[in-house]
Protein backbone atom coordinates (compact mmCIF):
# COMPACT_ATOMS: atom_id res chain seq x y z
CA MET A 1 20.99 9.27 28.05
CA THR A 2 18.11 9.87 26.06
CA THR A 3 17.44 6.85 23.64
CA ARG A 4 16.68 7.82 20.15
CA SER A 5 15.07 5.40 17.62
CA GLU A 6 15.89 6.95 14.52
CA ILE A 7 19.31 5.88 12.94
CA ILE A 8 21.00 7.16 9.83
CA MET A 9 23.83 4.61 9.02
CA ARG A 10 26.34 4.51 6.39
CA LEU A 11 28.37 1.24 5.62
CA GLY A 12 31.68 1.79 3.23
CA GLY A 13 34.08 -0.72 1.99
CA GLU A 14 35.47 -2.57 -1.24
CA GLY A 15 33.05 -3.44 -4.01
CA GLY A 16 32.37 -7.19 -3.70
CA GLU A 17 32.93 -7.44 0.24
CA GLY A 18 29.51 -7.42 1.18
CA VAL A 19 28.90 -3.91 2.38
CA ILE A 20 25.47 -3.69 0.04
CA SER A 21 24.47 -6.90 1.69
CA ALA A 22 25.12 -6.18 5.23
CA GLY A 23 23.45 -3.00 4.79
CA ASP A 24 20.29 -4.61 3.16
CA PHE A 25 20.16 -7.31 5.69
CA PHE A 26 20.14 -4.60 8.68
CA ALA A 27 17.33 -2.65 6.64
CA GLN A 28 15.11 -5.49 6.03
CA GLY A 29 15.43 -6.88 9.49
CA SER A 30 14.48 -3.40 10.90
CA ALA A 31 11.59 -3.46 8.59
CA ARG A 32 10.43 -6.85 9.91
CA THR A 33 10.52 -5.25 13.37
CA GLY A 34 8.05 -2.73 12.29
CA TYR A 35 10.28 0.16 11.44
CA HIS A 36 10.18 2.42 8.53
CA LEU A 37 13.14 2.72 6.27
CA PHE A 38 14.82 4.74 3.44
CA THR A 39 18.08 3.26 1.58
CA PHE A 40 20.38 4.52 -0.75
CA ARG A 41 23.52 2.74 -2.51
CA THR A 42 26.17 3.40 -4.59
CA TYR A 43 28.78 1.15 -6.05
CA PRO A 44 31.46 1.34 -8.67
CA ALA A 45 30.73 -0.11 -12.18
CA GLU A 46 33.29 -2.72 -11.59
CA ILE A 47 32.09 -6.20 -10.64
CA LYS A 48 34.67 -6.52 -7.77
CA GLY A 49 36.95 -3.48 -6.43
CA GLY A 50 36.50 0.02 -6.17
CA HIS A 51 34.47 1.96 -3.27
CA ALA A 52 30.96 0.96 -2.49
CA TRP A 53 28.60 2.23 0.12
CA TYR A 54 25.09 1.67 1.55
CA GLN A 55 23.00 4.29 3.62
CA VAL A 56 19.94 3.19 5.61
CA ARG A 57 17.66 5.34 7.63
CA VAL A 58 15.39 3.50 9.89
CA GLY A 59 12.75 5.08 12.67
CA PRO A 60 9.43 4.58 13.99
CA ASN A 61 8.05 7.06 11.96
CA PRO A 62 7.69 7.62 7.87
CA VAL A 63 11.29 8.49 6.78
CA ARG A 64 11.37 10.14 3.34
CA SER A 65 14.86 10.92 2.37
CA MET A 66 18.42 9.96 3.36
CA GLY A 67 18.42 12.27 5.94
CA ASP A 68 21.12 14.83 6.88
CA GLY A 69 24.62 13.55 7.61
CA VAL A 70 25.44 10.11 9.44
CA ASP A 71 24.67 8.90 12.98
CA VAL A 72 26.79 5.53 12.63
CA LEU A 73 29.58 4.98 10.09
CA VAL A 74 30.78 1.43 9.66
CA ALA A 75 34.24 1.41 7.77
CA PHE A 76 35.07 -1.94 6.29
CA ASN A 77 38.31 -0.52 5.49
CA ALA A 78 40.67 2.84 5.80
CA GLU A 79 39.32 3.97 2.13
CA ALA A 80 35.68 4.09 3.67
CA TYR A 81 36.80 5.65 6.77
CA PHE A 82 38.64 8.71 5.21
CA ASN A 83 35.98 9.04 2.40
CA HIS A 84 33.00 9.24 4.88
CA LYS A 85 34.47 10.46 8.27
CA ASP A 86 33.46 14.01 7.77
CA THR A 87 29.71 13.08 7.12
CA LEU A 88 29.49 11.84 10.59
CA ASN A 89 27.39 14.08 12.75
CA PRO A 90 28.71 15.57 15.91
CA ASP A 91 27.41 12.87 18.30
CA GLY A 92 27.95 10.30 15.56
CA VAL A 93 29.26 6.88 16.42
CA LEU A 94 32.47 5.19 14.49
CA ILE A 95 32.62 1.35 14.10
CA TYR A 96 35.75 -0.23 12.21
CA ASP A 97 38.32 -2.85 12.18
CA PRO A 98 41.24 -1.77 14.15
CA ASP A 99 43.35 -4.19 11.85
CA THR A 100 42.83 -2.03 8.95
CA VAL A 101 41.44 1.34 10.26
CA THR A 102 43.31 3.94 12.32
CA PRO A 103 40.77 6.82 13.32
CA ALA A 104 42.10 10.36 13.20
CA GLY A 105 40.36 11.21 16.44
CA GLY A 106 37.86 13.59 17.42
CA HIS A 107 34.79 11.12 17.22
CA LYS A 108 32.65 11.02 20.18
CA THR A 109 31.92 7.36 20.41
CA VAL A 110 34.10 4.49 18.52
CA TYR A 111 33.75 0.64 18.77
CA PRO A 112 36.62 -1.07 17.28
CA ILE A 113 35.67 -4.59 16.20
CA PRO A 114 38.03 -7.01 14.72
CA PHE A 115 35.81 -7.96 11.48
CA ASN A 116 38.32 -9.71 9.64
CA LYS A 117 39.92 -11.52 12.52
CA ILE A 118 36.48 -13.00 13.64
CA ALA A 119 35.89 -14.13 10.26
CA LYS A 120 38.82 -15.56 9.27
CA ASP A 121 40.83 -16.83 12.54
CA GLU A 122 37.53 -17.71 14.82
CA LEU A 123 35.23 -18.88 11.94
CA ASN A 124 37.52 -19.66 9.08
CA PHE A 125 35.07 -18.01 6.82
CA PHE A 126 36.63 -14.97 5.61
CA ARG A 127 33.61 -14.43 3.12
CA GLY A 128 31.43 -14.10 6.27
CA LYS A 129 33.02 -10.80 7.28
CA ASN A 130 29.83 -8.84 6.03
CA MET A 131 27.69 -11.17 8.41
CA VAL A 132 29.97 -10.63 11.32
CA VAL A 133 29.33 -6.68 10.85
CA THR A 134 25.55 -7.30 10.47
CA GLY A 135 25.46 -9.23 13.82
CA ALA A 136 27.55 -6.51 15.48
CA ILE A 137 25.42 -3.75 14.49
CA ALA A 138 22.31 -5.41 15.52
CA GLY A 139 23.71 -6.24 18.76
CA LEU A 140 24.75 -2.62 19.27
CA PHE A 141 21.31 -0.99 18.27
CA GLY A 142 18.77 -3.30 19.54
CA LEU A 143 17.85 -5.48 16.58
CA GLU A 144 17.08 -8.94 17.46
CA PRO A 145 19.04 -11.60 15.48
CA SER A 146 16.06 -13.71 15.09
CA SER A 147 14.67 -10.73 12.74
CA LEU A 148 17.69 -11.45 10.51
CA GLU A 149 17.66 -15.05 10.91
CA GLY A 150 14.84 -15.72 8.61
CA LEU A 151 16.42 -13.27 6.05
CA ILE A 152 19.37 -15.34 5.98
CA LYS A 153 17.56 -18.68 5.62
CA GLN A 154 15.68 -17.28 2.64
CA ARG A 155 18.77 -16.16 1.00
CA PHE A 156 20.79 -19.44 1.61
CA HIS A 157 18.15 -22.00 1.95
CA ARG A 158 19.35 -24.01 -1.13
CA ARG A 159 22.91 -24.02 0.37
CA PRO A 160 22.79 -25.72 3.72
CA GLU A 161 26.58 -25.57 4.47
CA LEU A 162 26.70 -21.73 3.65
CA LEU A 163 23.63 -21.36 5.49
CA GLU A 164 25.18 -22.50 8.70
CA GLN A 165 28.40 -20.48 7.97
CA ASN A 166 26.52 -17.23 7.61
CA LEU A 167 24.45 -17.87 10.66
CA ARG A 168 27.56 -18.51 12.82
CA ALA A 169 29.00 -15.53 11.53
CA LEU A 170 25.87 -13.42 12.18
CA TYR A 171 25.69 -14.80 15.86
CA ASN A 172 29.51 -14.16 16.54
CA GLY A 173 29.38 -10.77 15.56
CA TYR A 174 26.15 -10.18 17.66
CA ASP A 175 27.74 -11.83 20.78
CA PHE A 176 30.81 -9.78 20.30
CA ALA A 177 28.85 -6.66 20.33
CA ARG A 178 26.67 -7.57 23.27
CA LYS A 179 29.55 -8.99 25.55
CA LYS A 180 32.78 -7.17 24.76
CA LEU A 181 31.52 -3.51 23.94
CA GLU A 182 29.95 -0.95 26.36
CA LYS A 183 27.16 0.69 25.07
CA GLN A 184 28.23 4.51 24.97
CA ASP A 185 25.82 5.98 22.29
CA PRO A 186 21.98 6.86 22.57
CA PHE A 187 20.78 4.95 19.36
CA TYR A 188 18.54 1.92 19.99
CA LEU A 189 15.69 0.72 17.99
CA GLY A 190 14.16 -2.13 20.17
CA GLU A 191 10.64 -2.86 19.87
CA PRO A 192 8.40 -0.04 18.13
CA ALA A 193 5.40 1.15 19.84
CA THR A 194 3.17 -0.20 17.00
CA ARG A 195 3.76 -2.85 14.20
CA VAL A 196 2.19 -2.67 10.94
CA ALA A 197 2.66 -5.15 8.09
CA ARG A 198 4.73 -3.50 5.21
CA LEU A 199 6.23 -4.43 1.95
CA VAL A 200 9.91 -3.93 1.64
CA LEU A 201 10.45 -3.16 -2.04
CA SER A 202 12.85 -1.14 -4.07
CA GLY A 203 11.73 1.11 -6.79
CA ASN A 204 12.49 -1.60 -9.65
CA ASP A 205 10.29 -4.22 -7.35
CA ALA A 206 7.34 -1.72 -7.12
CA ILE A 207 7.53 -1.00 -10.93
CA VAL A 208 7.35 -4.91 -11.70
CA ALA A 209 4.56 -5.30 -9.38
CA GLY A 210 2.54 -2.42 -10.71
CA ALA A 211 3.10 -3.27 -14.39
CA LEU A 212 1.79 -6.74 -13.73
CA PHE A 213 -1.10 -5.44 -11.98
CA ALA A 214 -2.09 -3.00 -14.45
CA GLY A 215 -2.22 -6.02 -17.11
CA CYS A 216 1.27 -5.78 -18.84
CA ARG A 217 1.77 -9.55 -20.30
CA TYR A 218 4.70 -8.76 -22.68
CA TYR A 219 8.05 -7.08 -21.82
CA ALA A 220 11.11 -6.90 -23.92
CA GLY A 221 14.25 -5.22 -22.58
CA TYR A 222 18.11 -5.53 -22.83
CA PRO A 223 20.25 -5.38 -19.44
CA ILE A 224 21.44 -2.06 -18.37
CA THR A 225 22.02 -0.28 -15.05
CA PRO A 226 20.11 0.65 -13.01
CA ALA A 227 17.10 -1.01 -14.85
CA SER A 228 18.39 -4.43 -14.95
CA GLU A 229 16.17 -5.86 -12.01
CA ILE A 230 13.10 -4.90 -13.96
CA LEU A 231 14.08 -7.25 -16.93
CA GLU A 232 14.82 -9.87 -14.18
CA GLY A 233 11.56 -9.23 -12.08
CA MET A 234 9.29 -9.31 -15.46
CA ALA A 235 11.44 -12.65 -16.62
CA LYS A 236 10.50 -14.38 -13.38
CA GLU A 237 6.78 -13.18 -12.95
CA LEU A 238 5.42 -12.94 -16.43
CA PRO A 239 5.04 -16.65 -17.26
CA LYS A 240 3.15 -17.28 -14.11
CA LEU A 241 0.40 -15.26 -15.58
CA GLY A 242 0.65 -16.44 -19.15
CA GLY A 243 2.83 -13.63 -20.44
CA VAL A 244 6.04 -13.39 -22.30
CA SER A 245 9.45 -11.73 -21.34
CA LEU A 246 11.95 -11.33 -24.00
CA GLN A 247 15.96 -10.33 -23.43
CA ALA A 248 16.49 -8.50 -26.86
CA GLU A 249 19.68 -8.11 -28.41
CA ASP A 250 19.64 -4.41 -28.00
CA GLU A 251 17.18 -1.64 -26.85
CA ILE A 252 16.06 -0.94 -30.64
CA ALA A 253 14.91 -4.60 -30.92
CA SER A 254 13.32 -4.19 -27.40
CA ILE A 255 11.05 -1.22 -28.11
CA GLY A 256 10.14 -2.47 -31.77
CA SER A 257 8.90 -5.81 -30.44
CA VAL A 258 7.08 -4.02 -27.48
CA ILE A 259 5.35 -1.95 -30.36
CA GLY A 260 4.53 -5.17 -32.21
CA ALA A 261 3.06 -6.92 -28.95
CA SER A 262 1.08 -4.01 -28.36
CA PHE A 263 -0.43 -4.09 -32.01
CA ALA A 264 -1.17 -7.54 -31.39
CA GLY A 265 -3.46 -6.76 -28.47
CA ALA A 266 -1.17 -7.17 -25.39
CA LYS A 267 -0.19 -4.47 -22.91
CA ALA A 268 3.55 -4.02 -23.23
CA MET A 269 6.65 -2.44 -21.69
CA THR A 270 10.27 -2.15 -22.11
CA ALA A 271 12.82 -0.59 -19.42
CA THR A 272 16.21 1.06 -20.23
CA SER A 273 18.26 3.81 -19.06
CA GLY A 274 19.64 7.10 -20.95
CA PRO A 275 21.74 5.46 -23.51
CA GLY A 276 19.00 2.90 -24.09
CA LEU A 277 16.29 5.51 -24.52
CA ALA A 278 18.47 7.35 -27.07
CA LEU A 279 18.58 4.27 -29.02
CA MET A 280 15.02 3.96 -29.02
CA THR A 281 14.11 7.66 -30.01
CA GLU A 282 13.04 6.64 -33.84
CA PHE A 283 10.36 4.00 -32.62
CA LEU A 284 9.29 6.21 -30.30
CA GLY A 285 7.96 8.55 -33.00
CA TYR A 286 6.52 5.19 -34.95
CA ALA A 287 4.57 4.42 -31.86
CA GLY A 288 3.18 7.92 -31.66
CA MET A 289 2.31 8.22 -35.39
CA SER A 290 0.88 4.55 -35.36
CA GLU A 291 -0.94 5.55 -32.01
CA THR A 292 0.19 2.21 -30.44
CA PRO A 293 0.29 2.24 -26.79
CA CYS A 294 3.30 1.35 -24.93
CA VAL A 295 5.28 1.91 -21.63
CA ILE A 296 9.05 2.76 -21.65
CA VAL A 297 10.80 3.00 -18.35
CA ASP A 298 13.81 5.36 -18.29
CA ALA A 299 15.88 4.43 -15.02
CA GLN A 300 17.95 7.83 -15.24
CA ARG A 301 21.50 7.69 -14.53
CA SER A 302 24.44 10.13 -14.83
CA GLY A 303 25.37 11.18 -18.05
CA PRO A 304 26.32 11.89 -20.81
CA SER A 305 27.38 8.86 -23.01
CA THR A 306 28.02 5.98 -20.80
CA GLY A 307 28.40 8.60 -17.90
CA MET A 308 28.41 7.11 -14.57
CA PRO A 309 26.09 4.12 -14.75
CA THR A 310 25.68 3.68 -10.93
CA LYS A 311 25.29 7.23 -9.96
CA LEU A 312 22.12 9.48 -9.75
CA GLU A 313 21.31 12.31 -11.93
CA GLN A 314 17.64 13.78 -13.35
CA GLY A 315 19.39 14.24 -16.68
CA ASP A 316 16.89 12.85 -19.22
CA LEU A 317 13.90 15.27 -18.87
CA ASN A 318 14.82 17.01 -22.05
CA HIS A 319 15.24 13.86 -24.06
CA SER A 320 12.00 12.43 -22.69
CA LEU A 321 9.90 15.67 -23.55
CA TYR A 322 11.46 16.41 -27.09
CA ALA A 323 13.31 13.53 -28.41
CA GLY A 324 12.01 12.45 -32.02
CA HIS A 325 11.45 14.25 -35.28
CA GLY A 326 8.26 15.96 -35.82
CA ASP A 327 5.46 16.46 -33.75
CA PHE A 328 3.65 13.34 -31.83
CA PRO A 329 1.89 12.61 -28.71
CA ARG A 330 3.38 11.10 -25.50
CA ALA A 331 3.04 11.41 -21.94
CA VAL A 332 5.96 11.63 -19.23
CA ILE A 333 5.46 10.47 -15.83
CA ALA A 334 7.94 10.61 -13.06
CA PRO A 335 7.27 8.96 -9.54
CA GLY A 336 8.11 10.56 -6.23
CA SER A 337 8.93 7.39 -4.02
CA VAL A 338 9.03 3.71 -4.25
CA GLY A 339 5.36 3.35 -3.13
CA ASP A 340 4.61 5.91 -6.00
CA CYS A 341 6.27 3.82 -8.39
CA PHE A 342 3.68 1.11 -8.06
CA PHE A 343 0.62 3.66 -8.71
CA GLN A 344 2.34 5.71 -11.28
CA ILE A 345 3.47 2.82 -13.42
CA ILE A 346 -0.11 1.66 -13.19
CA ASN A 347 -1.10 5.33 -14.43
CA ALA A 348 1.52 5.03 -17.21
CA PHE A 349 -0.45 1.99 -18.48
CA ASN A 350 -3.73 3.53 -18.13
CA MET A 351 -2.66 6.95 -19.99
CA ALA A 352 -1.02 4.65 -22.63
CA GLU A 353 -3.82 2.49 -23.31
CA ARG A 354 -6.77 5.16 -22.79
CA TYR A 355 -4.98 7.83 -25.24
CA GLN A 356 -3.07 5.28 -27.54
CA LEU A 357 0.21 6.90 -27.41
CA PRO A 358 3.96 6.14 -25.68
CA VAL A 359 4.44 6.88 -22.12
CA ILE A 360 7.88 7.57 -20.82
CA PHE A 361 8.25 6.66 -17.24
CA LEU A 362 11.21 8.66 -15.50
CA SER A 363 12.54 6.72 -12.60
CA ASP A 364 16.43 7.02 -11.67
CA GLN A 365 19.36 5.33 -9.90
CA SER A 366 18.25 6.26 -6.56
CA LEU A 367 14.58 5.45 -6.81
CA SER A 368 15.10 2.26 -8.67
CA HIS A 369 17.67 0.67 -6.02
CA ARG A 370 16.47 2.31 -2.90
CA THR A 371 14.26 0.29 -0.75
CA GLU A 372 11.48 1.56 1.52
CA ALA A 373 9.05 -0.05 3.92
CA VAL A 374 5.46 0.41 1.83
CA THR A 375 2.03 -0.15 3.28
CA MET A 376 0.06 -2.67 1.40
CA PRO A 377 -2.15 -0.82 -0.89
CA ASP A 378 -5.92 -1.59 -1.10
CA LEU A 379 -6.06 -3.15 -4.64
CA GLY A 380 -9.76 -3.24 -4.84
CA LYS A 381 -9.73 0.73 -5.24
CA ILE A 382 -7.10 0.82 -8.02
CA LYS A 383 -8.45 1.28 -11.58
CA VAL A 384 -7.09 -0.43 -14.54
CA THR A 385 -7.97 0.98 -18.02
CA ASP A 386 -7.99 -0.89 -21.32
CA ARG A 387 -7.89 0.45 -24.68
CA LEU A 388 -10.98 1.40 -26.73
CA GLN A 389 -12.54 -1.71 -28.84
CA PRO A 390 -14.31 -1.43 -31.88
CA SER A 391 -17.91 -1.95 -31.64
CA ALA A 392 -20.04 -4.39 -33.80
CA ALA A 393 -20.86 -1.21 -35.95
CA ASP A 394 -17.31 -0.42 -36.52
CA LEU A 395 -16.62 -3.84 -37.83
CA LYS A 396 -19.85 -4.23 -40.02
CA ASN A 397 -17.74 -4.00 -43.38
CA SER A 398 -14.22 -4.58 -44.55
CA HIS A 399 -13.24 -0.86 -44.51
CA PHE A 400 -12.49 -0.49 -40.77
CA GLN A 401 -11.52 3.14 -39.91
CA ARG A 402 -8.63 2.35 -37.39
CA TYR A 403 -7.84 6.23 -37.43
CA ARG A 404 -11.59 7.38 -37.42
CA LEU A 405 -11.50 11.24 -36.86
CA THR A 406 -13.15 11.76 -33.30
CA ALA A 407 -13.36 14.82 -31.08
CA SER A 408 -11.43 12.98 -28.43
CA GLY A 409 -8.69 11.69 -30.92
CA ILE A 410 -9.35 8.35 -29.62
CA SER A 411 -10.48 5.87 -32.11
CA PRO A 412 -10.91 1.94 -31.75
CA MET A 413 -8.18 -0.38 -31.85
CA SER A 414 -8.81 -3.99 -33.19
CA VAL A 415 -6.70 -7.14 -32.33
CA PRO A 416 -5.36 -8.85 -35.46
CA GLY A 417 -7.62 -11.46 -36.63
CA THR A 418 -10.81 -9.66 -35.65
CA PRO A 419 -13.22 -10.18 -38.38
CA GLY A 420 -13.66 -6.99 -40.16
CA GLY A 421 -11.05 -5.32 -38.00
CA MET A 422 -7.81 -5.76 -40.39
CA TYR A 423 -5.76 -2.43 -40.52
CA VAL A 424 -2.35 -1.41 -41.37
CA ALA A 425 -0.30 0.80 -38.82
CA PRO A 426 2.16 2.78 -41.06
CA GLY A 427 4.76 4.97 -40.01
CA LEU A 428 3.92 6.98 -42.99
CA GLU A 429 1.15 9.38 -42.80
CA HIS A 430 -2.24 8.02 -43.51
CA ASP A 431 -6.09 8.34 -43.39
CA GLU A 432 -8.53 7.08 -41.34
CA LEU A 433 -8.35 3.43 -42.76
CA GLY A 434 -4.46 3.63 -42.40
CA HIS A 435 -3.95 4.04 -46.13
CA VAL A 436 -0.95 6.39 -47.30
CA ASP A 437 -2.77 7.83 -50.45
CA ASN A 438 -2.89 11.93 -50.42
CA PRO A 439 -0.51 12.53 -47.32
CA LEU A 440 -0.95 16.20 -47.21
CA GLU A 441 -4.58 16.01 -46.98
CA SER A 442 -4.30 13.43 -44.34
CA HIS A 443 -1.65 15.36 -42.54
CA LEU A 444 -3.80 18.14 -42.02
CA LYS A 445 -6.66 16.04 -40.49
CA MET A 446 -4.45 13.50 -38.65
CA MET A 447 -1.95 15.75 -36.84
CA PRO A 448 -4.93 17.70 -35.13
CA LYS A 449 -6.53 14.28 -34.20
CA ARG A 450 -3.31 12.80 -32.69
CA GLN A 451 -2.41 16.03 -30.72
CA ALA A 452 -6.11 16.18 -29.29
CA LYS A 453 -5.12 13.43 -27.06
CA VAL A 454 -2.47 15.50 -25.42
CA GLU A 455 -4.82 17.93 -24.16
CA ALA A 456 -7.09 15.16 -22.89
CA CYS A 457 -3.87 13.90 -20.81
CA ARG A 458 -3.26 17.29 -19.47
CA GLN A 459 -6.67 17.71 -18.17
CA GLU A 460 -6.49 14.26 -16.36
CA ALA A 461 -3.10 15.29 -15.08
CA SER A 462 -4.66 18.53 -13.69
CA ARG A 463 -7.32 16.44 -11.68
CA ASP A 464 -5.13 13.75 -10.23
CA CYS A 465 -1.39 14.53 -10.14
CA CYS A 466 -0.86 18.14 -8.21
CA ALA A 467 -1.21 17.79 -4.41
CA ARG A 468 -0.01 20.68 -2.57
CA TYR A 469 2.13 20.26 0.36
CA GLY A 470 2.45 22.56 3.33
CA ASP A 471 1.04 26.36 4.22
CA PRO A 472 -2.10 27.13 2.15
CA ASP A 473 -0.74 30.73 2.60
CA ALA A 474 2.89 30.06 1.85
CA LYS A 475 5.20 33.03 0.61
CA ILE A 476 7.77 30.48 -0.59
CA GLY A 477 7.02 27.69 -2.99
CA LEU A 478 9.04 24.73 -4.16
CA ILE A 479 8.20 22.79 -7.17
CA GLY A 480 9.86 19.53 -7.88
CA TRP A 481 9.68 16.23 -10.02
CA GLY A 482 10.55 12.97 -9.35
CA SER A 483 12.63 11.45 -6.60
CA THR A 484 13.23 14.86 -5.14
CA GLU A 485 9.99 14.48 -3.51
CA GLY A 486 10.96 13.06 0.07
CA ALA A 487 13.73 15.42 0.63
CA ILE A 488 11.74 18.60 -0.52
CA GLN A 489 8.71 17.50 1.82
CA GLU A 490 11.39 17.28 4.90
CA ALA A 491 13.03 20.55 3.85
CA VAL A 492 9.30 21.94 4.06
CA ASP A 493 8.62 20.56 7.38
CA ARG A 494 11.92 21.80 8.64
CA ALA A 495 11.07 25.42 7.35
CA ARG A 496 7.63 25.37 8.87
CA ALA A 497 8.93 24.45 12.05
CA ALA A 498 11.28 27.43 12.03
CA GLY A 499 8.22 29.75 11.34
CA HIS A 500 8.71 30.09 7.48
CA LYS A 501 5.31 30.06 5.36
CA VAL A 502 6.41 27.38 2.86
CA ALA A 503 4.54 25.00 0.64
CA ALA A 504 5.48 22.49 -2.23
CA LEU A 505 3.95 21.17 -5.24
CA HIS A 506 5.27 18.05 -7.11
CA PRO A 507 3.39 16.98 -10.38
CA LYS A 508 3.59 13.32 -11.22
CA VAL A 509 2.51 13.79 -14.75
CA VAL A 510 5.45 16.14 -16.35
CA TYR A 511 4.18 16.16 -19.84
CA PRO A 512 1.69 17.33 -20.79
CA LEU A 513 2.42 19.75 -17.83
CA PRO A 514 -0.93 20.63 -15.61
CA PHE A 515 0.21 24.27 -16.20
CA GLU A 516 -3.27 25.55 -14.85
CA GLU A 517 -2.70 24.07 -11.54
CA ILE A 518 1.02 25.00 -11.45
CA GLN A 519 0.30 28.82 -12.45
CA ARG A 520 -2.27 28.87 -9.58
CA PHE A 521 0.34 27.80 -7.22
CA VAL A 522 3.02 30.16 -8.64
CA ASP A 523 0.60 33.09 -8.43
CA SER A 524 -0.31 32.15 -4.63
CA VAL A 525 3.49 32.47 -3.61
CA SER A 526 6.23 35.29 -3.77
CA HIS A 527 9.17 33.05 -4.66
CA VAL A 528 9.55 29.89 -6.36
CA ILE A 529 12.48 27.23 -5.70
CA VAL A 530 13.03 24.19 -7.99
CA PRO A 531 15.52 21.72 -6.64
CA GLU A 532 16.59 18.74 -9.38
CA VAL A 533 19.53 16.63 -9.60
CA ASN A 534 20.99 18.05 -12.93
CA PHE A 535 23.47 20.67 -14.12
CA SER A 536 21.53 22.83 -16.22
CA GLY A 537 18.06 22.86 -14.47
CA GLN A 538 16.24 21.09 -16.99
CA PHE A 539 12.77 21.12 -15.34
CA ALA A 540 13.05 25.03 -14.24
CA ARG A 541 13.82 25.72 -17.88
CA TYR A 542 10.92 23.66 -18.84
CA LEU A 543 8.61 25.33 -16.53
CA ARG A 544 9.52 28.69 -18.14
CA THR A 545 8.04 27.79 -21.19
CA GLU A 546 4.54 26.60 -20.07
CA VAL A 547 4.13 28.84 -16.89
CA ASP A 548 4.53 32.60 -16.12
CA VAL A 549 7.52 32.05 -13.46
CA HIS A 550 11.02 32.90 -12.95
CA PRO A 551 12.09 30.07 -10.49
CA ILE A 552 15.21 29.93 -8.45
CA ARG A 553 17.23 27.05 -9.06
CA VAL A 554 18.97 24.53 -6.81
CA ASN A 555 21.10 22.08 -8.87
CA LYS A 556 22.98 19.18 -7.62
CA TYR A 557 25.03 17.01 -9.67
CA ALA A 558 27.34 15.15 -7.52
CA GLY A 559 25.69 11.52 -8.41
CA LEU A 560 23.94 11.71 -5.16
CA PRO A 561 20.33 12.51 -3.87
CA PHE A 562 19.49 15.80 -2.02
CA MET A 563 19.74 15.91 1.60
CA PRO A 564 16.79 17.94 3.22
CA ARG A 565 19.10 20.65 4.82
CA GLU A 566 20.73 21.38 1.37
CA ILE A 567 17.05 22.58 0.00
CA TYR A 568 16.22 24.07 3.69
CA ARG A 569 19.26 26.35 3.21
CA LYS A 570 17.98 27.82 -0.02
CA ILE A 571 14.70 28.33 1.68
CA GLU A 572 16.26 30.02 4.63
CA GLU A 573 18.42 32.22 2.30
CA VAL A 574 15.35 33.24 0.15
CA ALA A 575 13.46 33.94 3.46
CA ASN A 576 16.26 36.04 4.83
CA HIS A 577 16.35 38.33 1.75
CA ALA A 578 12.77 38.53 0.90
């Protein structure tokens, strides 16, 4: 039997019984061993109850999506088995508790493990069922328990009794798998050929780290799924750097205080999801009118209204592009991976500070909560931009021109208390001094000034944010945005291996769109496919307003990310009818 060292594993069960924790421990233990990983989790909105599941894909080579199908299904209960049994690949492995699950048959490999009985009867620790599962899957698939022990000690070091119980559960599960089960499947991790130190981060973790590196020293937010971990991370880390974190009473107060902190000289950020972004819309326009830099993270979830708070959707693009009355400058950035979250949030701060405008950072439920093993970046090569400060000449008299007309649209921004640098930042139309006299005359001058910054943003996006992936002479092109990047790239790889000429483009700055780069890509191929996780094809529609293209849409709105094969099927369909 040929050993396979890449595994796609799905664990399912009732919310609150440790399904997510078991998957997380296995994923992080694999990463500590040296493997690449990609995870996805989905859980009910209730604190306990409902159905939760966790998927982890681990392998010796980089993995960029949740993969196709499932190699190993771990069913905590009957509901999990019947919900997910059809996702098992033909040579897949079923692991289940025989006291709660009766398999329907037809599975190539099954491992019955009495999780509940081991935890309750042998250990007198029913809550440790998930740790029994963790130990069992480690034993079956070649993950040394020592790689998990450190993680468990880190989690429970303040509660010695609970630590001991969890370690016993881990090793009982491991011993059961090693001693009482006969290995019948090809999946085995073992030691990878090379071991490279990597960081295991979620998208929200990476956003926090990148924001701090970019110089963010003020954060205000209100808890909302799936962005709450950003608030928690900033509250923990900002005080260590002399910064301030505020849990505000609502999203309106959050964005208001962020704009105020930025006016006072701090790099500032908030994070929310679709419902919160809707509440922030009026203040978004104020930031644009007053030319106050700020970063707003929108971790998109399935909508509309309250929608499905714990499910994925790329449904907020239209709102991010167009929300607000009147014309005002903004930028919209969408990262493609967990590692990209770190770099693109720095880019968001750089754009906000350089061009003095609000930047919306479009993450989503998958990207926020999934974990990846990320190579440590070379921090010395990363540039951080600060806002333009007034010169001595700008401050030489009491009439500081905060909104001075310039060719670039960018004018110096003083900190309150700077001698000679006092100004008002009104939401009313104003002149170069910030005064609201002669609004019509001022409007005719200030509107072009503010919009000039959008074109400068576009030029920057064209230089830095449009890397082509795939064949230089492709016949079929894919254009994606946000968290679809990995699945698109894997679909391109599969199509190229099948003999198709395919390439992909994935702009990270989606507004202002680098349309010249995209038009060149469109003109170089015969067909353009746009996959996105929403019903209406928001990005495809937007592309048609900026680029001469008639894209073929691939839309998914089931609350889950794309599998590569779903995109590959469309590539094959287009290729076969070309």
